[in-house]
Amino acid sequence: MSRPDSALPSASAPSLAPPSGRVVLSASDISRALRRMAHEVLEHNKGATDLVVLGIPTRGVALAQRLVDALADVEGTDVPVGALDVTMYRDDLRQQPIRTAHATQIPASGIDDKVVVLVDDVLYSGRTVRAALDALGDLGRPRAVRLAVLVDRGHRELPIRADHVGKNLPTAKSERVHVRLREHDQADEVRIVEGESA
């Protein structure tokens, strides 16, 4: 079952067949979006000093690594990267108690007094990001937290906004946004599938 902000179910098993629907981002579009976001992050932070990038499983972790690679290409500096599991912080855990927890991996430098960039594939209701902020609060006290998402599809239920967006993609609630990444799905693309219940 998908988390409310998710593009796909959180299982990390490879997809056997591509989903239906229309492609709205190709592999080259995704690459360009991540490079542009890297420039935005560095410009806003005035360089790579004190940056830590944390991906939200599942596909946010792969995107975080790609963002860090793009940051290194632009700035010539390695930025610490990790993963932040939000499973136990979700507000729908009682309704869906059987969830696969993922590993949280915080870089050795920690997050205290750092600028943490959270990375996810799709921003939808905002509830996953809220859970991520709660999880961060239990791990340390960042100086600032910023949010980078590949796709912002709208329909927010909480006052949460992304700082860096690969593509703003207005959608109907009945539509689904499917993000496929080569690390999980052997392909890079984003599709909109019509007529699926959200």
N, C-alpha and C. Protein backbone atom coordinates (compact mmCIF):
# COMPACT_ATOMS: atom_id res chain seq x y z
N MET A 1 0.83 -1.18 0.00
CA MET A 1 0.00 0.00 0.00
C MET A 1 0.87 1.24 0.00
N SER A 2 0.51 2.26 -0.74
CA SER A 2 1.33 3.46 -0.83
C SER A 2 1.17 4.32 0.41
N ARG A 3 2.27 4.96 0.81
CA ARG A 3 2.14 6.00 1.82
C ARG A 3 1.48 7.19 1.15
N PRO A 4 0.85 8.10 1.89
CA PRO A 4 0.08 9.17 1.26
C PRO A 4 0.89 10.04 0.31
N ASP A 5 2.18 10.29 0.59
CA ASP A 5 2.98 11.14 -0.28
C ASP A 5 3.65 10.35 -1.38
N SER A 6 3.46 9.05 -1.41
CA SER A 6 4.33 8.20 -2.22
C SER A 6 3.97 8.21 -3.68
N ALA A 7 5.00 7.93 -4.47
CA ALA A 7 4.79 7.70 -5.89
C ALA A 7 4.43 6.25 -6.14
N LEU A 8 5.04 5.37 -5.41
CA LEU A 8 4.84 3.93 -5.59
C LEU A 8 4.78 3.28 -4.22
N PRO A 9 4.29 2.05 -4.14
CA PRO A 9 4.39 1.33 -2.89
C PRO A 9 5.84 1.28 -2.44
N SER A 10 6.04 1.18 -1.13
CA SER A 10 7.39 1.33 -0.60
C SER A 10 8.26 0.09 -0.77
N ALA A 11 7.73 -0.99 -1.30
CA ALA A 11 8.56 -2.16 -1.52
C ALA A 11 9.70 -1.82 -2.47
N SER A 12 10.88 -2.33 -2.19
CA SER A 12 12.02 -1.98 -3.01
C SER A 12 12.30 -3.01 -4.10
N ALA A 13 11.42 -4.00 -4.26
CA ALA A 13 11.61 -5.01 -5.31
C ALA A 13 11.47 -4.35 -6.67
N PRO A 14 12.25 -4.78 -7.64
CA PRO A 14 12.17 -4.18 -8.97
C PRO A 14 10.79 -4.38 -9.59
N SER A 15 10.35 -3.37 -10.33
CA SER A 15 9.10 -3.50 -11.07
C SER A 15 9.36 -4.36 -12.30
N LEU A 16 8.46 -5.28 -12.59
CA LEU A 16 8.65 -6.17 -13.72
C LEU A 16 8.22 -5.53 -15.02
N ALA A 17 7.22 -4.65 -14.98
CA ALA A 17 6.74 -4.00 -16.19
C ALA A 17 6.50 -2.53 -15.90
N PRO A 18 6.73 -1.67 -16.89
CA PRO A 18 6.48 -0.26 -16.65
C PRO A 18 5.00 0.00 -16.46
N PRO A 19 4.66 0.98 -15.65
CA PRO A 19 3.25 1.31 -15.47
C PRO A 19 2.69 1.93 -16.75
N SER A 20 1.37 1.99 -16.82
CA SER A 20 0.73 2.65 -17.94
C SER A 20 0.78 4.16 -17.71
N GLY A 21 0.04 4.91 -18.50
CA GLY A 21 0.01 6.36 -18.32
C GLY A 21 0.99 7.07 -19.23
N ARG A 22 1.08 8.39 -19.03
CA ARG A 22 1.95 9.19 -19.90
C ARG A 22 3.21 9.61 -19.16
N VAL A 23 4.31 9.62 -19.87
CA VAL A 23 5.60 10.02 -19.30
C VAL A 23 5.64 11.54 -19.22
N VAL A 24 5.95 12.07 -18.03
CA VAL A 24 6.07 13.51 -17.86
C VAL A 24 7.51 13.93 -17.58
N LEU A 25 8.36 12.99 -17.17
CA LEU A 25 9.79 13.25 -17.03
C LEU A 25 10.55 12.04 -17.55
N SER A 26 11.46 12.27 -18.46
CA SER A 26 12.31 11.20 -18.98
C SER A 26 13.57 11.11 -18.12
N ALA A 27 14.43 10.15 -18.45
CA ALA A 27 15.69 10.00 -17.72
C ALA A 27 16.53 11.27 -17.81
N SER A 28 16.59 11.88 -18.99
CA SER A 28 17.39 13.11 -19.13
C SER A 28 16.74 14.27 -18.38
N ASP A 29 15.41 14.31 -18.33
CA ASP A 29 14.72 15.35 -17.56
C ASP A 29 15.04 15.23 -16.07
N ILE A 30 15.05 14.00 -15.57
CA ILE A 30 15.36 13.77 -14.16
C ILE A 30 16.78 14.20 -13.86
N SER A 31 17.70 13.85 -14.73
CA SER A 31 19.11 14.23 -14.54
C SER A 31 19.28 15.74 -14.52
N ARG A 32 18.62 16.43 -15.46
CA ARG A 32 18.71 17.90 -15.51
C ARG A 32 18.09 18.52 -14.26
N ALA A 33 16.95 17.97 -13.83
CA ALA A 33 16.28 18.51 -12.64
C ALA A 33 17.18 18.39 -11.41
N LEU A 34 17.83 17.26 -11.24
CA LEU A 34 18.71 17.06 -10.08
C LEU A 34 19.91 18.01 -10.14
N ARG A 35 20.45 18.22 -11.32
CA ARG A 35 21.59 19.13 -11.45
C ARG A 35 21.17 20.57 -11.12
N ARG A 36 19.99 20.97 -11.61
CA ARG A 36 19.49 22.31 -11.29
C ARG A 36 19.25 22.45 -9.79
N MET A 37 18.67 21.41 -9.18
CA MET A 37 18.43 21.46 -7.74
C MET A 37 19.74 21.55 -6.97
N ALA A 38 20.78 20.86 -7.44
CA ALA A 38 22.09 20.95 -6.79
C ALA A 38 22.60 22.38 -6.82
N HIS A 39 22.48 23.05 -7.96
CA HIS A 39 22.89 24.45 -8.05
C HIS A 39 22.10 25.32 -7.07
N GLU A 40 20.78 25.07 -6.97
CA GLU A 40 19.93 25.84 -6.06
C GLU A 40 20.35 25.65 -4.61
N VAL A 41 20.61 24.39 -4.24
CA VAL A 41 21.03 24.10 -2.86
C VAL A 41 22.32 24.84 -2.54
N LEU A 42 23.29 24.76 -3.43
CA LEU A 42 24.58 25.42 -3.19
C LEU A 42 24.45 26.94 -3.17
N GLU A 43 23.62 27.47 -4.04
CA GLU A 43 23.43 28.93 -4.05
C GLU A 43 22.77 29.39 -2.75
N HIS A 44 21.74 28.68 -2.32
CA HIS A 44 21.04 29.08 -1.10
C HIS A 44 21.94 28.95 0.13
N ASN A 45 22.78 27.90 0.14
CA ASN A 45 23.65 27.63 1.29
C ASN A 45 24.99 28.37 1.19
N LYS A 46 25.19 29.04 0.05
CA LYS A 46 26.48 29.71 -0.21
C LYS A 46 27.64 28.71 -0.13
N GLY A 47 27.46 27.59 -0.82
CA GLY A 47 28.48 26.55 -0.85
C GLY A 47 28.01 25.29 -0.17
N ALA A 48 28.93 24.35 0.03
CA ALA A 48 28.58 23.04 0.58
C ALA A 48 28.88 22.92 2.06
N THR A 49 29.36 23.98 2.70
CA THR A 49 29.74 23.91 4.11
C THR A 49 28.54 23.56 4.98
N ASP A 50 28.74 22.58 5.86
CA ASP A 50 27.74 22.16 6.86
C ASP A 50 26.48 21.55 6.26
N LEU A 51 26.52 21.15 5.00
CA LEU A 51 25.37 20.47 4.41
C LEU A 51 25.37 18.99 4.77
N VAL A 52 24.19 18.45 5.02
CA VAL A 52 23.97 17.00 5.16
C VAL A 52 22.71 16.69 4.36
N VAL A 53 22.78 15.67 3.51
CA VAL A 53 21.63 15.28 2.69
C VAL A 53 21.10 13.94 3.17
N LEU A 54 19.80 13.88 3.47
CA LEU A 54 19.16 12.66 3.95
C LEU A 54 17.98 12.30 3.06
N GLY A 55 17.99 11.09 2.51
CA GLY A 55 16.90 10.62 1.68
C GLY A 55 15.86 9.89 2.51
N ILE A 56 14.60 10.07 2.13
CA ILE A 56 13.49 9.36 2.78
C ILE A 56 13.21 8.10 1.96
N PRO A 57 13.34 6.90 2.57
CA PRO A 57 13.11 5.67 1.81
C PRO A 57 11.71 5.64 1.20
N THR A 58 11.53 5.03 0.01
CA THR A 58 12.56 4.24 -0.61
C THR A 58 13.32 5.05 -1.66
N ARG A 59 12.60 5.62 -2.60
CA ARG A 59 13.26 6.27 -3.73
C ARG A 59 13.94 7.58 -3.37
N GLY A 60 13.57 8.17 -2.26
CA GLY A 60 14.26 9.38 -1.81
C GLY A 60 15.72 9.14 -1.49
N VAL A 61 16.06 7.92 -1.09
CA VAL A 61 17.46 7.59 -0.77
C VAL A 61 18.30 7.59 -2.05
N ALA A 62 17.78 6.98 -3.10
CA ALA A 62 18.50 6.98 -4.38
C ALA A 62 18.63 8.40 -4.92
N LEU A 63 17.58 9.19 -4.81
CA LEU A 63 17.63 10.57 -5.27
C LEU A 63 18.61 11.40 -4.45
N ALA A 64 18.68 11.13 -3.14
CA ALA A 64 19.64 11.84 -2.28
C ALA A 64 21.07 11.57 -2.73
N GLN A 65 21.37 10.32 -3.05
CA GLN A 65 22.72 9.98 -3.51
C GLN A 65 23.02 10.67 -4.84
N ARG A 66 22.05 10.71 -5.72
CA ARG A 66 22.26 11.39 -7.00
C ARG A 66 22.44 12.90 -6.80
N LEU A 67 21.69 13.46 -5.88
CA LEU A 67 21.84 14.89 -5.59
C LEU A 67 23.23 15.18 -5.05
N VAL A 68 23.71 14.33 -4.15
CA VAL A 68 25.06 14.51 -3.60
C VAL A 68 26.11 14.36 -4.70
N ASP A 69 25.91 13.44 -5.62
CA ASP A 69 26.83 13.30 -6.75
C ASP A 69 26.86 14.57 -7.59
N ALA A 70 25.67 15.16 -7.81
CA ALA A 70 25.59 16.42 -8.57
C ALA A 70 26.25 17.56 -7.80
N LEU A 71 26.06 17.60 -6.49
CA LEU A 71 26.73 18.62 -5.67
C LEU A 71 28.24 18.51 -5.79
N ALA A 72 28.75 17.28 -5.78
CA ALA A 72 30.19 17.06 -5.90
C ALA A 72 30.69 17.50 -7.27
N ASP A 73 29.91 17.24 -8.32
CA ASP A 73 30.30 17.66 -9.66
C ASP A 73 30.40 19.17 -9.76
N VAL A 74 29.46 19.87 -9.13
CA VAL A 74 29.42 21.33 -9.22
C VAL A 74 30.45 21.97 -8.30
N GLU A 75 30.51 21.50 -7.06
CA GLU A 75 31.30 22.17 -6.03
C GLU A 75 32.67 21.54 -5.81
N GLY A 76 32.83 20.26 -6.23
CA GLY A 76 34.09 19.57 -5.99
C GLY A 76 34.28 19.15 -4.56
N THR A 77 33.18 19.06 -3.81
CA THR A 77 33.24 18.70 -2.38
C THR A 77 32.27 17.56 -2.13
N ASP A 78 32.69 16.59 -1.33
CA ASP A 78 31.80 15.51 -0.94
C ASP A 78 30.90 15.95 0.21
N VAL A 79 29.60 15.85 0.00
CA VAL A 79 28.62 16.21 1.02
C VAL A 79 28.15 14.94 1.70
N PRO A 80 28.11 14.90 3.03
CA PRO A 80 27.62 13.69 3.72
C PRO A 80 26.18 13.37 3.33
N VAL A 81 25.93 12.07 3.14
CA VAL A 81 24.60 11.64 2.72
C VAL A 81 24.17 10.45 3.57
N GLY A 82 22.88 10.34 3.81
CA GLY A 82 22.36 9.23 4.60
C GLY A 82 20.90 9.00 4.29
N ALA A 83 20.24 8.24 5.16
CA ALA A 83 18.83 7.88 4.98
C ALA A 83 18.09 8.09 6.29
N LEU A 84 16.85 8.53 6.18
CA LEU A 84 16.04 8.80 7.37
C LEU A 84 14.73 8.04 7.25
N ASP A 85 14.59 6.96 8.02
CA ASP A 85 13.35 6.19 8.02
C ASP A 85 12.31 6.88 8.89
N VAL A 86 11.09 7.00 8.38
CA VAL A 86 10.04 7.71 9.12
C VAL A 86 8.90 6.78 9.52
N THR A 87 9.08 5.48 9.35
CA THR A 87 7.99 4.52 9.54
C THR A 87 7.30 4.69 10.89
N MET A 88 8.08 4.76 11.97
CA MET A 88 7.49 4.79 13.31
C MET A 88 6.95 6.17 13.68
N TYR A 89 7.13 7.15 12.82
CA TYR A 89 6.67 8.51 13.09
C TYR A 89 5.43 8.88 12.28
N ARG A 90 4.95 7.94 11.48
CA ARG A 90 3.81 8.23 10.61
C ARG A 90 2.52 8.33 11.42
N ASP A 91 1.63 9.23 10.99
CA ASP A 91 0.38 9.40 11.73
C ASP A 91 -0.70 8.40 11.32
N ASP A 92 -0.38 7.54 10.34
CA ASP A 92 -1.35 6.51 9.94
C ASP A 92 -0.88 5.11 10.35
N LEU A 93 0.07 5.04 11.27
CA LEU A 93 0.64 3.75 11.65
C LEU A 93 -0.40 2.83 12.28
N ARG A 94 -1.33 3.39 13.03
CA ARG A 94 -2.37 2.56 13.65
C ARG A 94 -3.31 1.95 12.61
N GLN A 95 -3.55 2.70 11.51
CA GLN A 95 -4.43 2.18 10.47
C GLN A 95 -3.73 1.15 9.60
N GLN A 96 -2.40 1.30 9.47
CA GLN A 96 -1.62 0.36 8.66
C GLN A 96 -0.40 -0.08 9.46
N PRO A 97 -0.61 -0.92 10.47
CA PRO A 97 0.49 -1.26 11.38
C PRO A 97 1.57 -2.13 10.75
N ILE A 98 1.27 -2.81 9.65
CA ILE A 98 2.28 -3.68 9.03
C ILE A 98 3.00 -2.88 7.95
N ARG A 99 4.14 -2.36 8.30
CA ARG A 99 4.96 -1.58 7.38
C ARG A 99 6.38 -2.07 7.47
N THR A 100 7.09 -1.99 6.37
CA THR A 100 8.49 -2.38 6.36
C THR A 100 9.34 -1.20 6.81
N ALA A 101 10.04 -1.37 7.90
CA ALA A 101 10.95 -0.32 8.36
C ALA A 101 12.25 -0.39 7.57
N HIS A 102 12.84 0.76 7.33
CA HIS A 102 14.11 0.84 6.63
C HIS A 102 15.16 1.35 7.60
N ALA A 103 16.39 1.21 7.24
CA ALA A 103 17.48 1.66 8.12
C ALA A 103 17.61 3.17 8.06
N THR A 104 17.80 3.78 9.22
CA THR A 104 18.20 5.17 9.28
C THR A 104 19.72 5.20 9.36
N GLN A 105 20.32 5.96 8.47
CA GLN A 105 21.79 6.05 8.42
C GLN A 105 22.18 7.52 8.45
N ILE A 106 22.66 7.95 9.59
CA ILE A 106 23.08 9.34 9.76
C ILE A 106 24.60 9.40 9.58
N PRO A 107 25.10 10.32 8.77
CA PRO A 107 26.55 10.42 8.59
C PRO A 107 27.27 10.66 9.92
N ALA A 108 28.53 10.26 9.98
CA ALA A 108 29.31 10.37 11.21
C ALA A 108 29.39 11.80 11.73
N SER A 109 29.28 12.77 10.83
CA SER A 109 29.33 14.17 11.24
C SER A 109 28.08 14.60 11.99
N GLY A 110 27.03 13.78 11.95
CA GLY A 110 25.79 14.08 12.65
C GLY A 110 24.99 15.17 11.96
N ILE A 111 23.94 15.63 12.65
CA ILE A 111 23.10 16.68 12.09
C ILE A 111 23.04 17.92 12.96
N ASP A 112 23.62 17.89 14.15
CA ASP A 112 23.59 19.06 15.03
C ASP A 112 24.26 20.26 14.36
N ASP A 113 23.53 21.37 14.34
CA ASP A 113 24.02 22.63 13.78
C ASP A 113 24.37 22.51 12.30
N LYS A 114 23.81 21.53 11.61
CA LYS A 114 24.02 21.37 10.17
C LYS A 114 22.78 21.87 9.41
N VAL A 115 22.95 22.11 8.12
CA VAL A 115 21.82 22.37 7.24
C VAL A 115 21.45 21.04 6.60
N VAL A 116 20.33 20.49 7.01
CA VAL A 116 19.89 19.18 6.53
C VAL A 116 18.95 19.37 5.34
N VAL A 117 19.26 18.72 4.24
CA VAL A 117 18.39 18.71 3.08
C VAL A 117 17.70 17.35 3.02
N LEU A 118 16.40 17.34 3.26
CA LEU A 118 15.61 16.11 3.14
C LEU A 118 15.24 15.93 1.67
N VAL A 119 15.34 14.70 1.19
CA VAL A 119 15.06 14.42 -0.22
C VAL A 119 14.00 13.33 -0.31
N ASP A 120 12.96 13.59 -1.12
CA ASP A 120 11.94 12.57 -1.38
C ASP A 120 11.56 12.63 -2.86
N ASP A 121 10.87 11.58 -3.31
CA ASP A 121 10.51 11.55 -4.72
C ASP A 121 9.30 12.41 -5.04
N VAL A 122 8.22 12.28 -4.26
CA VAL A 122 6.98 13.01 -4.54
C VAL A 122 6.49 13.68 -3.27
N LEU A 123 6.14 14.95 -3.39
CA LEU A 123 5.49 15.67 -2.30
C LEU A 123 4.00 15.75 -2.63
N TYR A 124 3.20 15.24 -1.70
CA TYR A 124 1.75 15.17 -1.92
C TYR A 124 1.06 15.81 -0.72
N SER A 125 0.63 15.03 0.24
CA SER A 125 -0.11 15.59 1.38
C SER A 125 0.79 16.36 2.34
N GLY A 126 2.06 15.99 2.41
CA GLY A 126 2.98 16.60 3.36
C GLY A 126 3.17 15.78 4.63
N ARG A 127 2.42 14.70 4.78
CA ARG A 127 2.47 13.94 6.03
C ARG A 127 3.78 13.17 6.21
N THR A 128 4.35 12.69 5.12
CA THR A 128 5.64 12.00 5.23
C THR A 128 6.74 12.98 5.68
N VAL A 129 6.69 14.20 5.15
CA VAL A 129 7.69 15.20 5.54
C VAL A 129 7.51 15.58 7.01
N ARG A 130 6.27 15.70 7.46
CA ARG A 130 6.04 15.98 8.88
C ARG A 130 6.63 14.88 9.74
N ALA A 131 6.43 13.63 9.33
CA ALA A 131 7.02 12.50 10.06
C ALA A 131 8.54 12.59 10.05
N ALA A 132 9.11 13.00 8.93
CA ALA A 132 10.57 13.14 8.84
C ALA A 132 11.09 14.22 9.79
N LEU A 133 10.36 15.30 9.92
CA LEU A 133 10.76 16.36 10.86
C LEU A 133 10.72 15.86 12.30
N ASP A 134 9.71 15.05 12.63
CA ASP A 134 9.64 14.46 13.96
C ASP A 134 10.82 13.52 14.20
N ALA A 135 11.14 12.70 13.19
CA ALA A 135 12.27 11.78 13.32
C ALA A 135 13.58 12.54 13.49
N LEU A 136 13.76 13.62 12.74
CA LEU A 136 14.98 14.44 12.88
C LEU A 136 15.11 14.99 14.28
N GLY A 137 13.97 15.42 14.85
CA GLY A 137 14.00 16.00 16.19
C GLY A 137 14.50 15.04 17.25
N ASP A 138 14.34 13.74 17.01
CA ASP A 138 14.84 12.74 17.95
C ASP A 138 16.32 12.43 17.74
N LEU A 139 16.87 12.89 16.64
CA LEU A 139 18.27 12.57 16.31
C LEU A 139 19.24 13.71 16.57
N GLY A 140 18.73 14.90 16.66
CA GLY A 140 19.61 16.04 16.87
C GLY A 140 18.89 17.34 16.58
N ARG A 141 19.69 18.42 16.53
CA ARG A 141 19.10 19.74 16.32
C ARG A 141 19.81 20.43 15.15
N PRO A 142 19.28 20.25 13.94
CA PRO A 142 19.89 20.93 12.80
C PRO A 142 19.74 22.44 12.91
N ARG A 143 20.66 23.15 12.26
CA ARG A 143 20.53 24.61 12.21
C ARG A 143 19.36 25.00 11.31
N ALA A 144 19.16 24.23 10.25
CA ALA A 144 18.04 24.48 9.33
C ALA A 144 17.72 23.18 8.62
N VAL A 145 16.48 23.05 8.18
CA VAL A 145 16.05 21.88 7.41
C VAL A 145 15.41 22.40 6.12
N ARG A 146 15.85 21.85 5.01
CA ARG A 146 15.30 22.22 3.71
C ARG A 146 14.77 20.94 3.05
N LEU A 147 13.87 21.13 2.10
CA LEU A 147 13.21 19.99 1.46
C LEU A 147 13.42 20.05 -0.05
N ALA A 148 13.91 18.95 -0.61
CA ALA A 148 14.09 18.82 -2.05
C ALA A 148 13.27 17.62 -2.53
N VAL A 149 12.42 17.84 -3.53
CA VAL A 149 11.60 16.76 -4.06
C VAL A 149 11.70 16.75 -5.58
N LEU A 150 11.64 15.57 -6.14
CA LEU A 150 11.68 15.47 -7.59
C LEU A 150 10.38 16.01 -8.20
N VAL A 151 9.24 15.67 -7.58
CA VAL A 151 7.93 16.09 -8.09
C VAL A 151 7.10 16.64 -6.94
N ASP A 152 6.49 17.81 -7.15
CA ASP A 152 5.47 18.34 -6.25
C ASP A 152 4.16 18.25 -7.00
N ARG A 153 3.27 17.38 -6.52
CA ARG A 153 2.01 17.15 -7.23
C ARG A 153 0.82 17.90 -6.63
N GLY A 154 1.07 18.71 -5.58
CA GLY A 154 -0.02 19.47 -4.98
C GLY A 154 -0.84 18.66 -4.00
N HIS A 155 -2.02 19.19 -3.66
CA HIS A 155 -2.97 18.55 -2.73
C HIS A 155 -2.43 18.46 -1.31
N ARG A 156 -1.78 19.51 -0.85
CA ARG A 156 -1.21 19.49 0.50
C ARG A 156 -2.30 19.45 1.57
N GLU A 157 -2.05 18.69 2.62
CA GLU A 157 -2.94 18.63 3.78
C GLU A 157 -2.32 19.31 4.99
N LEU A 158 -1.04 19.63 4.91
CA LEU A 158 -0.31 20.30 5.98
C LEU A 158 0.46 21.48 5.39
N PRO A 159 0.78 22.49 6.21
CA PRO A 159 1.48 23.67 5.69
C PRO A 159 2.97 23.40 5.46
N ILE A 160 3.26 22.58 4.46
CA ILE A 160 4.63 22.17 4.14
C ILE A 160 4.89 22.51 2.68
N ARG A 161 6.06 23.10 2.43
CA ARG A 161 6.43 23.53 1.09
C ARG A 161 7.85 23.06 0.79
N ALA A 162 8.08 22.63 -0.43
CA ALA A 162 9.43 22.22 -0.83
C ALA A 162 10.25 23.45 -1.19
N ASP A 163 11.53 23.42 -0.82
CA ASP A 163 12.45 24.50 -1.17
C ASP A 163 13.04 24.31 -2.56
N HIS A 164 13.22 23.06 -2.95
CA HIS A 164 13.82 22.75 -4.24
C HIS A 164 12.96 21.68 -4.91
N VAL A 165 12.44 21.98 -6.10
CA VAL A 165 11.49 21.10 -6.79
C VAL A 165 12.00 20.81 -8.20
N GLY A 166 12.06 19.53 -8.54
CA GLY A 166 12.42 19.16 -9.90
C GLY A 166 11.35 19.55 -10.89
N LYS A 167 10.09 19.25 -10.56
CA LYS A 167 8.97 19.62 -11.43
C LYS A 167 7.70 19.77 -10.61
N ASN A 168 7.03 20.91 -10.77
CA ASN A 168 5.69 21.08 -10.23
C ASN A 168 4.73 20.44 -11.21
N LEU A 169 3.92 19.52 -10.72
CA LEU A 169 3.08 18.71 -11.58
C LEU A 169 1.65 18.69 -11.05
N PRO A 170 0.83 19.66 -11.45
CA PRO A 170 -0.56 19.67 -10.98
C PRO A 170 -1.26 18.37 -11.39
N THR A 171 -1.93 17.75 -10.45
CA THR A 171 -2.61 16.48 -10.71
C THR A 171 -3.99 16.50 -10.10
N ALA A 172 -4.84 15.61 -10.59
CA ALA A 172 -6.11 15.34 -9.92
C ALA A 172 -5.86 14.34 -8.81
N LYS A 173 -6.72 14.38 -7.80
CA LYS A 173 -6.55 13.43 -6.70
C LYS A 173 -6.73 11.99 -7.17
N SER A 174 -7.48 11.80 -8.25
CA SER A 174 -7.71 10.45 -8.76
C SER A 174 -6.52 9.91 -9.54
N GLU A 175 -5.53 10.75 -9.81
CA GLU A 175 -4.36 10.32 -10.56
C GLU A 175 -3.25 9.85 -9.62
N ARG A 176 -2.32 9.09 -10.18
CA ARG A 176 -1.14 8.65 -9.45
C ARG A 176 0.10 9.13 -10.19
N VAL A 177 1.11 9.50 -9.42
CA VAL A 177 2.40 9.83 -9.99
C VAL A 177 3.33 8.66 -9.70
N HIS A 178 3.84 8.03 -10.76
CA HIS A 178 4.73 6.88 -10.61
C HIS A 178 6.15 7.31 -10.94
N VAL A 179 7.04 7.25 -9.95
CA VAL A 179 8.45 7.53 -10.16
C VAL A 179 9.18 6.19 -10.27
N ARG A 180 9.89 6.02 -11.36
CA ARG A 180 10.70 4.82 -11.55
C ARG A 180 12.16 5.26 -11.62
N LEU A 181 13.01 4.59 -10.85
CA LEU A 181 14.44 4.90 -10.82
C LEU A 181 15.23 3.64 -11.10
N ARG A 182 16.35 3.79 -11.76
CA ARG A 182 17.12 2.60 -12.17
C ARG A 182 17.60 1.79 -10.98
N GLU A 183 17.81 2.42 -9.82
CA GLU A 183 18.25 1.68 -8.64
C GLU A 183 17.21 0.67 -8.16
N HIS A 184 15.94 0.92 -8.48
CA HIS A 184 14.86 0.04 -8.04
C HIS A 184 14.09 -0.59 -9.20
N ASP A 185 14.03 0.12 -10.33
CA ASP A 185 13.11 -0.26 -11.40
C ASP A 185 13.80 -0.45 -12.75
N GLN A 186 15.13 -0.37 -12.78
CA GLN A 186 15.90 -0.52 -14.00
C GLN A 186 15.60 0.53 -15.07
N ALA A 187 14.96 1.63 -14.70
CA ALA A 187 14.66 2.70 -15.65
C ALA A 187 14.42 3.98 -14.87
N ASP A 188 14.63 5.10 -15.55
CA ASP A 188 14.36 6.41 -14.96
C ASP A 188 13.23 7.08 -15.73
N GLU A 189 12.12 7.33 -15.05
CA GLU A 189 11.03 8.09 -15.66
C GLU A 189 9.99 8.41 -14.60
N VAL A 190 9.18 9.41 -14.92
CA VAL A 190 8.02 9.75 -14.09
C VAL A 190 6.81 9.73 -14.99
N ARG A 191 5.77 9.02 -14.54
CA ARG A 191 4.52 8.92 -15.31
C ARG A 191 3.35 9.37 -14.46
N ILE A 192 2.34 9.87 -15.14
CA ILE A 192 1.03 10.09 -14.52
C ILE A 192 0.10 9.02 -15.04
N VAL A 193 -0.53 8.33 -14.10
CA VAL A 193 -1.50 7.29 -14.45
C VAL A 193 -2.88 7.79 -14.09
N GLU A 194 -3.77 7.75 -15.05
CA GLU A 194 -5.12 8.29 -14.86
C GLU A 194 -6.02 7.29 -14.16
N GLY A 195 -6.96 7.84 -13.41
CA GLY A 195 -8.08 7.05 -12.94
C GLY A 195 -7.80 6.07 -11.82
N GLU A 196 -6.63 6.16 -11.16
CA GLU A 196 -6.39 5.30 -9.99
C GLU A 196 -6.83 6.06 -8.76
N SER A 197 -7.37 5.35 -7.80
CA SER A 197 -7.79 6.04 -6.58
C SER A 197 -6.56 6.43 -5.79
N ALA A 198 -6.59 7.65 -5.27
CA ALA A 198 -5.48 8.12 -4.43
C ALA A 198 -5.74 7.65 -3.04
